[in-house]
Amino acid sequence: MKSIICDAFGPISQLRFDECPTPTAGAGQLLIDVKAIGVNFPDALLVQGLYQVKPATPFVPGFEFSGEVTAIGDGVSNFAVGDRIACVSELFGAFAEQTAAFAKNAVLIPDDMSYPDAATILCAHATAHHGLKQRARLREGETLLVLGAAGGTGSAAVQIGKAMGARVIAACSTADKLAAAGANGADELINYRQQDLKSSLKALTGGRGVDVVYDPVGGKAFDASVRCMARNGRLLVVGFASGDIPSLSANLALVKEFSLIGVLWGSFVEHEPQQFADNMSELFGWYQQGKVSSVIDEALPLAEAATALTRVMDRLVCGKLVLIP
């Protein structure tokens, strides 16, 4: 079978598209014909050796995908050959025509959901859903600020915030990205390259501040957000797409009485599998009702994985990129 192979940590351009052995389904695993693969920021960090986990090389990158079950390993009873599934692997293995993954990380997808939608709704939307539902406990009528609101998980947070009844303020760096956030349902738009984020937020909230911040960006946008938190606010730390991991002056949390909350979806899936399954059921229901949708910037052939990862690293994507084997 063909796959993307990372022989050594380094520039994304060093990835190669080549033959590799077809995997088998071990105990607790499924063998899947991969139909579509979501491209994520951690994928790009992993191949460069910049992620907190470093697998043994060579390895096949990619962890979010959809496909059809073709074989079942020992101990798996809740899936059958021919099932259409979405799945996350153990951080790698998805950039391939076939892959083996643990059944506990797979979910059946609705008949009316396409494979590209399933491959790109899983990580981004499920992260935003977990962050806003379990971590922030977002309530109807609250004000939600989404930073990086045109990226994969940012777009998802805008949609899910609206589905949960929040007033959503989207902050982006370009007019095109703001237009994308508006199309996803954002109530208010801020271009933080052209507008001062702190003063804009104060004006939009009448000085009260925001109840929840969803931050996959970090950097200066985080610094401005902590100064615009409402009392009892919750600031969700999701990632650092800007490349700048900010520091928090703890006195701001004290005087404003807000909470800083980490969101690590992979840990949630591992430690709360039943809640993960319940979340996915709700998300798929919202998808079928038209409340959320996969936002696909472009579908590219699997062979162009390096191009896709570079675009994600350079923050040139609205929504998600998907690879098609």
Protein backbone atom coordinates (compact mmCIF):
# COMPACT_ATOMS: atom_id res chain seq x y z
CA MET A 1 0.00 0.00 0.00
CA LYS A 2 1.03 3.64 -0.41
CA SER A 3 1.58 5.98 2.52
CA ILE A 4 3.36 9.13 3.63
CA ILE A 5 6.58 8.22 5.46
CA CYS A 6 8.59 10.34 7.89
CA ASP A 7 12.10 8.85 7.97
CA ALA A 8 13.52 11.38 10.43
CA PHE A 9 12.34 14.49 12.25
CA GLY A 10 12.98 17.59 10.16
CA PRO A 11 11.48 19.81 7.48
CA ILE A 12 8.04 18.88 6.23
CA SER A 13 9.43 18.80 2.69
CA GLN A 14 11.39 15.64 3.54
CA LEU A 15 8.26 13.52 3.78
CA ARG A 16 8.01 10.88 1.05
CA PHE A 17 5.09 9.11 -0.61
CA ASP A 18 6.03 5.47 -1.00
CA GLU A 19 5.11 1.82 -0.56
CA CYS A 20 5.03 0.33 2.93
CA PRO A 21 3.75 -2.96 4.40
CA THR A 22 -0.01 -3.35 4.83
CA PRO A 23 -0.87 -3.47 8.56
CA THR A 24 -2.95 -6.15 10.27
CA ALA A 25 -5.64 -5.79 12.92
CA GLY A 26 -4.21 -6.75 16.31
CA ALA A 27 -6.17 -7.46 19.47
CA GLY A 28 -8.76 -4.75 20.05
CA GLN A 29 -8.12 -3.21 16.65
CA LEU A 30 -9.82 -2.63 13.32
CA LEU A 31 -8.20 -2.71 9.89
CA ILE A 32 -9.60 0.18 7.85
CA ASP A 33 -9.53 1.13 4.19
CA VAL A 34 -8.87 4.84 4.57
CA LYS A 35 -11.20 7.04 2.52
CA ALA A 36 -10.33 10.52 3.84
CA ILE A 37 -7.83 12.03 6.30
CA GLY A 38 -8.07 15.24 8.30
CA VAL A 39 -4.94 17.41 8.39
CA ASN A 40 -4.19 18.94 11.78
CA PHE A 41 -1.63 21.29 13.31
CA PRO A 42 -0.15 18.57 15.58
CA ASP A 43 0.58 16.47 12.47
CA ALA A 44 2.91 19.20 11.23
CA LEU A 45 4.58 19.57 14.63
CA LEU A 46 5.07 15.81 14.95
CA VAL A 47 7.02 15.32 11.72
CA GLN A 48 9.32 18.22 12.63
CA GLY A 49 10.05 16.80 16.09
CA LEU A 50 8.30 19.76 17.72
CA TYR A 51 5.46 17.85 19.40
CA GLN A 52 5.59 16.66 23.03
CA VAL A 53 5.51 13.04 21.82
CA LYS A 54 8.19 11.69 19.49
CA PRO A 55 7.47 8.29 17.91
CA ALA A 56 10.24 6.03 16.69
CA THR A 57 11.19 6.71 13.09
CA PRO A 58 10.33 5.88 10.40
CA PHE A 59 6.59 6.36 10.94
CA VAL A 60 3.43 7.28 9.06
CA PRO A 61 1.95 10.59 10.30
CA GLY A 62 -1.72 11.43 10.74
CA PHE A 63 -4.28 10.59 13.40
CA GLU A 64 -7.75 11.63 12.16
CA PHE A 65 -9.46 9.70 9.38
CA SER A 66 -12.56 7.96 8.11
CA GLY A 67 -13.01 4.78 6.17
CA GLU A 68 -14.47 1.30 5.89
CA VAL A 69 -13.72 -1.59 8.23
CA THR A 70 -12.16 -4.52 6.33
CA ALA A 71 -10.98 -6.78 9.18
CA ILE A 72 -11.53 -7.10 12.92
CA GLY A 73 -9.01 -8.08 15.59
CA ASP A 74 -9.57 -10.31 18.59
CA GLY A 75 -11.79 -8.93 21.32
CA VAL A 76 -13.76 -6.50 19.13
CA SER A 77 -17.50 -7.12 19.14
CA ASN A 78 -19.11 -3.73 18.45
CA PHE A 79 -18.04 -3.34 14.80
CA ALA A 80 -18.49 -5.43 11.65
CA VAL A 81 -16.70 -5.66 8.33
CA GLY A 82 -18.18 -3.02 6.03
CA ASP A 83 -18.96 -0.51 8.79
CA ARG A 84 -18.38 3.15 7.92
CA ILE A 85 -16.39 4.76 10.72
CA ALA A 86 -14.51 7.85 11.81
CA CYS A 87 -11.50 7.25 14.01
CA VAL A 88 -8.47 8.72 15.73
CA SER A 89 -5.28 6.69 15.85
CA GLU A 90 -2.52 6.78 18.46
CA LEU A 91 -1.10 10.05 17.01
CA PHE A 92 0.15 8.47 13.78
CA GLY A 93 -0.64 5.95 11.04
CA ALA A 94 -3.48 7.71 9.19
CA PHE A 95 -1.65 9.16 6.16
CA ALA A 96 -2.01 5.86 4.33
CA GLU A 97 -4.31 3.83 2.11
CA GLN A 98 -4.93 1.40 4.97
CA THR A 99 -4.34 1.58 8.71
CA ALA A 100 -5.00 -0.36 11.91
CA ALA A 101 -6.50 1.48 14.88
CA PHE A 102 -8.04 0.62 18.22
CA ALA A 103 -11.79 0.08 18.08
CA LYS A 104 -12.28 2.13 21.25
CA ASN A 105 -11.24 5.22 19.28
CA ALA A 106 -13.72 4.64 16.44
CA VAL A 107 -17.34 5.71 16.01
CA LEU A 108 -19.94 4.74 13.42
CA ILE A 109 -20.86 7.63 11.12
CA PRO A 110 -24.36 8.43 9.81
CA ASP A 111 -25.27 7.05 6.40
CA ASP A 112 -25.74 10.56 5.04
CA MET A 113 -22.30 11.79 6.19
CA SER A 114 -19.56 11.79 3.55
CA TYR A 115 -16.15 10.36 4.32
CA PRO A 116 -14.42 13.78 3.97
CA ASP A 117 -16.93 15.36 6.36
CA ALA A 118 -16.44 12.51 8.85
CA ALA A 119 -12.65 12.80 8.65
CA THR A 120 -12.63 16.52 9.32
CA ILE A 121 -15.45 16.90 11.84
CA LEU A 122 -13.98 14.50 14.37
CA CYS A 123 -10.97 16.24 15.90
CA ALA A 124 -11.83 19.91 15.35
CA HIS A 125 -15.50 19.73 16.27
CA ALA A 126 -15.04 17.18 19.04
CA THR A 127 -12.31 19.31 20.64
CA ALA A 128 -14.49 22.42 20.52
CA HIS A 129 -17.51 20.48 21.76
CA HIS A 130 -15.63 18.99 24.72
CA GLY A 131 -14.05 22.35 25.52
CA LEU A 132 -17.30 24.30 25.48
CA LYS A 133 -19.51 21.62 27.02
CA GLN A 134 -17.46 19.78 29.65
CA ARG A 135 -14.65 22.23 30.38
CA ALA A 136 -16.29 25.66 30.10
CA ARG A 137 -19.88 24.54 30.73
CA LEU A 138 -21.04 27.22 28.30
CA ARG A 139 -24.59 28.35 29.01
CA GLU A 140 -27.27 29.75 26.74
CA GLY A 141 -27.08 33.55 26.54
CA GLU A 142 -23.41 33.79 27.53
CA THR A 143 -20.84 35.61 25.41
CA LEU A 144 -18.19 33.44 23.75
CA LEU A 145 -15.01 34.81 22.17
CA VAL A 146 -13.37 32.51 19.61
CA LEU A 147 -9.78 33.34 18.65
CA GLY A 148 -8.50 31.99 15.33
CA ALA A 149 -12.16 31.66 14.41
CA ALA A 150 -11.55 30.63 10.79
CA GLY A 151 -9.20 27.73 11.55
CA GLY A 152 -10.32 24.13 11.90
CA THR A 153 -11.23 24.07 15.58
CA GLY A 154 -12.02 27.79 15.64
CA SER A 155 -14.66 27.36 12.92
CA ALA A 156 -16.07 24.44 14.89
CA ALA A 157 -16.19 26.50 18.10
CA VAL A 158 -18.19 29.22 16.34
CA GLN A 159 -20.75 26.68 15.09
CA ILE A 160 -20.99 24.82 18.39
CA GLY A 161 -21.21 28.04 20.41
CA LYS A 162 -24.21 29.04 18.32
CA ALA A 163 -25.74 25.56 18.65
CA MET A 164 -25.43 25.94 22.44
CA GLY A 165 -27.17 29.32 22.40
CA ALA A 166 -24.23 31.66 22.99
CA ARG A 167 -23.54 35.09 21.54
CA VAL A 168 -20.35 34.46 19.53
CA ILE A 169 -17.62 37.02 18.87
CA ALA A 170 -15.13 35.83 16.26
CA ALA A 171 -11.59 37.23 16.10
CA CYS A 172 -9.46 36.64 12.99
CA SER A 173 -6.43 38.17 11.27
CA THR A 174 -7.82 38.86 7.76
CA ALA A 175 -11.01 40.01 6.08
CA ASP A 176 -11.38 36.68 4.26
CA LYS A 177 -11.12 34.75 7.51
CA LEU A 178 -13.69 37.04 9.14
CA ALA A 179 -16.05 36.40 6.23
CA ALA A 180 -15.64 32.66 6.81
CA ALA A 181 -16.38 33.08 10.53
CA GLY A 182 -19.46 35.13 9.71
CA ALA A 183 -20.67 32.41 7.34
CA ASN A 184 -20.37 29.96 10.23
CA GLY A 185 -22.74 32.06 12.30
CA ALA A 186 -20.60 34.47 14.35
CA ASP A 187 -22.61 37.41 15.71
CA GLU A 188 -19.72 39.89 15.92
CA LEU A 189 -16.43 40.08 14.02
CA ILE A 190 -13.06 41.57 15.06
CA ASN A 191 -10.01 41.86 12.81
CA TYR A 192 -7.27 41.87 15.44
CA ARG A 193 -4.66 42.96 12.89
CA GLN A 194 -6.58 46.18 12.23
CA GLN A 195 -8.50 46.67 15.48
CA ASP A 196 -7.37 46.71 19.07
CA LEU A 197 -8.77 43.49 20.49
CA LYS A 198 -9.01 44.70 24.09
CA SER A 199 -10.93 47.90 23.34
CA SER A 200 -13.12 46.16 20.75
CA LEU A 201 -14.16 43.51 23.27
CA LYS A 202 -14.92 46.11 25.92
CA ALA A 203 -17.08 48.02 23.44
CA LEU A 204 -18.98 44.93 22.30
CA THR A 205 -19.67 43.79 25.87
CA GLY A 206 -20.40 47.22 27.38
CA GLY A 207 -17.32 46.86 29.58
CA ARG A 208 -18.59 43.64 31.18
CA GLY A 209 -16.16 41.32 29.40
CA VAL A 210 -16.64 37.86 27.88
CA ASP A 211 -17.86 34.77 29.70
CA VAL A 212 -15.83 32.20 27.77
CA VAL A 213 -12.73 32.50 25.58
CA TYR A 214 -11.84 29.65 23.22
CA ASP A 215 -8.14 30.09 22.42
CA PRO A 216 -6.27 27.81 20.00
CA VAL A 217 -3.86 30.65 19.11
CA GLY A 218 -1.98 31.95 22.17
CA GLY A 219 0.38 34.91 21.82
CA LYS A 220 -0.82 38.51 21.95
CA ALA A 221 -4.47 37.56 21.47
CA PHE A 222 -4.32 35.60 24.74
CA ASP A 223 -2.74 38.58 26.51
CA ALA A 224 -5.58 40.85 25.38
CA SER A 225 -8.25 38.29 26.26
CA VAL A 226 -7.21 37.87 29.90
CA ARG A 227 -7.84 41.57 30.40
CA CYS A 228 -11.37 41.27 29.04
CA MET A 229 -12.77 38.42 31.12
CA ALA A 230 -16.12 38.76 32.85
CA ARG A 231 -16.43 37.77 36.50
CA ASN A 232 -16.73 33.95 36.70
CA GLY A 233 -15.38 33.75 33.15
CA ARG A 234 -13.58 30.71 31.76
CA LEU A 235 -10.56 30.98 29.47
CA LEU A 236 -9.96 27.76 27.52
CA VAL A 237 -6.36 27.00 26.53
CA VAL A 238 -6.65 24.85 23.39
CA GLY A 239 -3.36 25.38 21.54
CA PHE A 240 -0.69 27.77 20.35
CA ALA A 241 -1.04 28.15 16.57
CA SER A 242 0.77 31.50 16.76
CA GLY A 243 3.90 29.68 17.94
CA ASP A 244 3.97 31.83 21.09
CA ILE A 245 3.09 30.16 24.40
CA PRO A 246 1.98 33.05 26.62
CA SER A 247 2.39 33.49 30.36
CA LEU A 248 -0.42 34.53 32.70
CA SER A 249 -0.05 37.16 35.40
CA ALA A 250 -1.88 35.35 38.19
CA ASN A 251 -3.08 38.60 39.76
CA LEU A 252 -5.43 39.07 36.77
CA ALA A 253 -7.20 35.81 37.58
CA LEU A 254 -7.44 36.93 41.19
CA VAL A 255 -8.89 40.40 40.69
CA LYS A 256 -11.19 39.38 37.80
CA GLU A 257 -12.22 36.05 39.34
CA PHE A 258 -11.93 34.02 36.17
CA SER A 259 -10.69 30.47 35.58
CA LEU A 260 -7.95 29.24 33.24
CA ILE A 261 -8.89 25.79 31.89
CA GLY A 262 -6.87 23.42 29.72
CA VAL A 263 -8.52 21.46 26.92
CA LEU A 264 -6.77 18.25 25.79
CA TRP A 265 -9.26 16.23 23.75
CA GLY A 266 -7.03 13.16 23.44
CA SER A 267 -6.90 12.83 27.21
CA PHE A 268 -10.69 13.17 27.37
CA VAL A 269 -11.14 10.35 24.82
CA GLU A 270 -8.76 8.11 26.77
CA HIS A 271 -10.17 8.73 30.23
CA GLU A 272 -13.88 9.25 29.50
CA PRO A 273 -14.75 6.97 26.55
CA GLN A 274 -18.48 6.84 27.30
CA GLN A 275 -18.73 10.64 27.50
CA PHE A 276 -16.75 10.81 24.24
CA ALA A 277 -19.29 8.48 22.60
CA ASP A 278 -22.18 10.56 23.97
CA ASN A 279 -20.57 13.75 22.67
CA MET A 280 -20.14 12.26 19.19
CA SER A 281 -23.78 11.18 19.17
CA GLU A 282 -24.84 14.75 19.95
CA LEU A 283 -22.46 16.19 17.33
CA PHE A 284 -23.70 13.83 14.62
CA GLY A 285 -27.26 14.78 15.55
CA TRP A 286 -26.41 18.46 15.15
CA TYR A 287 -24.77 17.65 11.82
CA GLN A 288 -27.94 15.97 10.57
CA GLN A 289 -30.00 18.94 11.80
CA GLY A 290 -27.72 21.39 9.95
CA LYS A 291 -26.51 23.08 13.15
CA VAL A 292 -22.87 22.16 12.49
CA SER A 293 -21.02 21.26 9.32
CA SER A 294 -17.55 20.30 8.26
CA VAL A 295 -15.68 23.30 6.86
CA ILE A 296 -13.35 21.95 4.18
CA ASP A 297 -10.98 24.43 2.57
CA GLU A 298 -9.76 21.93 -0.02
CA ALA A 299 -9.37 18.20 -0.67
CA LEU A 300 -5.91 17.16 -1.86
CA PRO A 301 -4.45 13.81 -2.97
CA LEU A 302 -2.61 11.89 -0.24
CA ALA A 303 0.65 12.39 -2.16
CA GLU A 304 0.40 16.15 -1.46
CA ALA A 305 0.48 15.76 2.32
CA ALA A 306 3.61 17.92 2.64
CA THR A 307 1.86 20.78 0.84
CA ALA A 308 -1.16 20.44 3.10
CA LEU A 309 0.92 20.42 6.30
CA THR A 310 2.89 23.47 5.18
CA ARG A 311 -0.32 25.40 4.52
CA VAL A 312 -1.60 24.50 7.99
CA MET A 313 1.66 25.62 9.63
CA ASP A 314 1.55 28.90 7.70
CA ARG A 315 -2.08 29.48 8.82
CA LEU A 316 -3.31 29.72 5.24
CA VAL A 317 -6.36 27.50 5.73
CA CYS A 318 -10.00 28.41 6.42
CA GLY A 319 -11.48 25.38 8.12
CA LYS A 320 -9.75 22.08 7.40
CA LEU A 321 -7.75 20.42 4.65
CA VAL A 322 -8.52 16.82 3.81
CA LEU A 323 -6.33 14.22 2.09
CA ILE A 324 -7.85 11.60 -0.19
CA PRO A 325 -5.90 8.33 -0.75
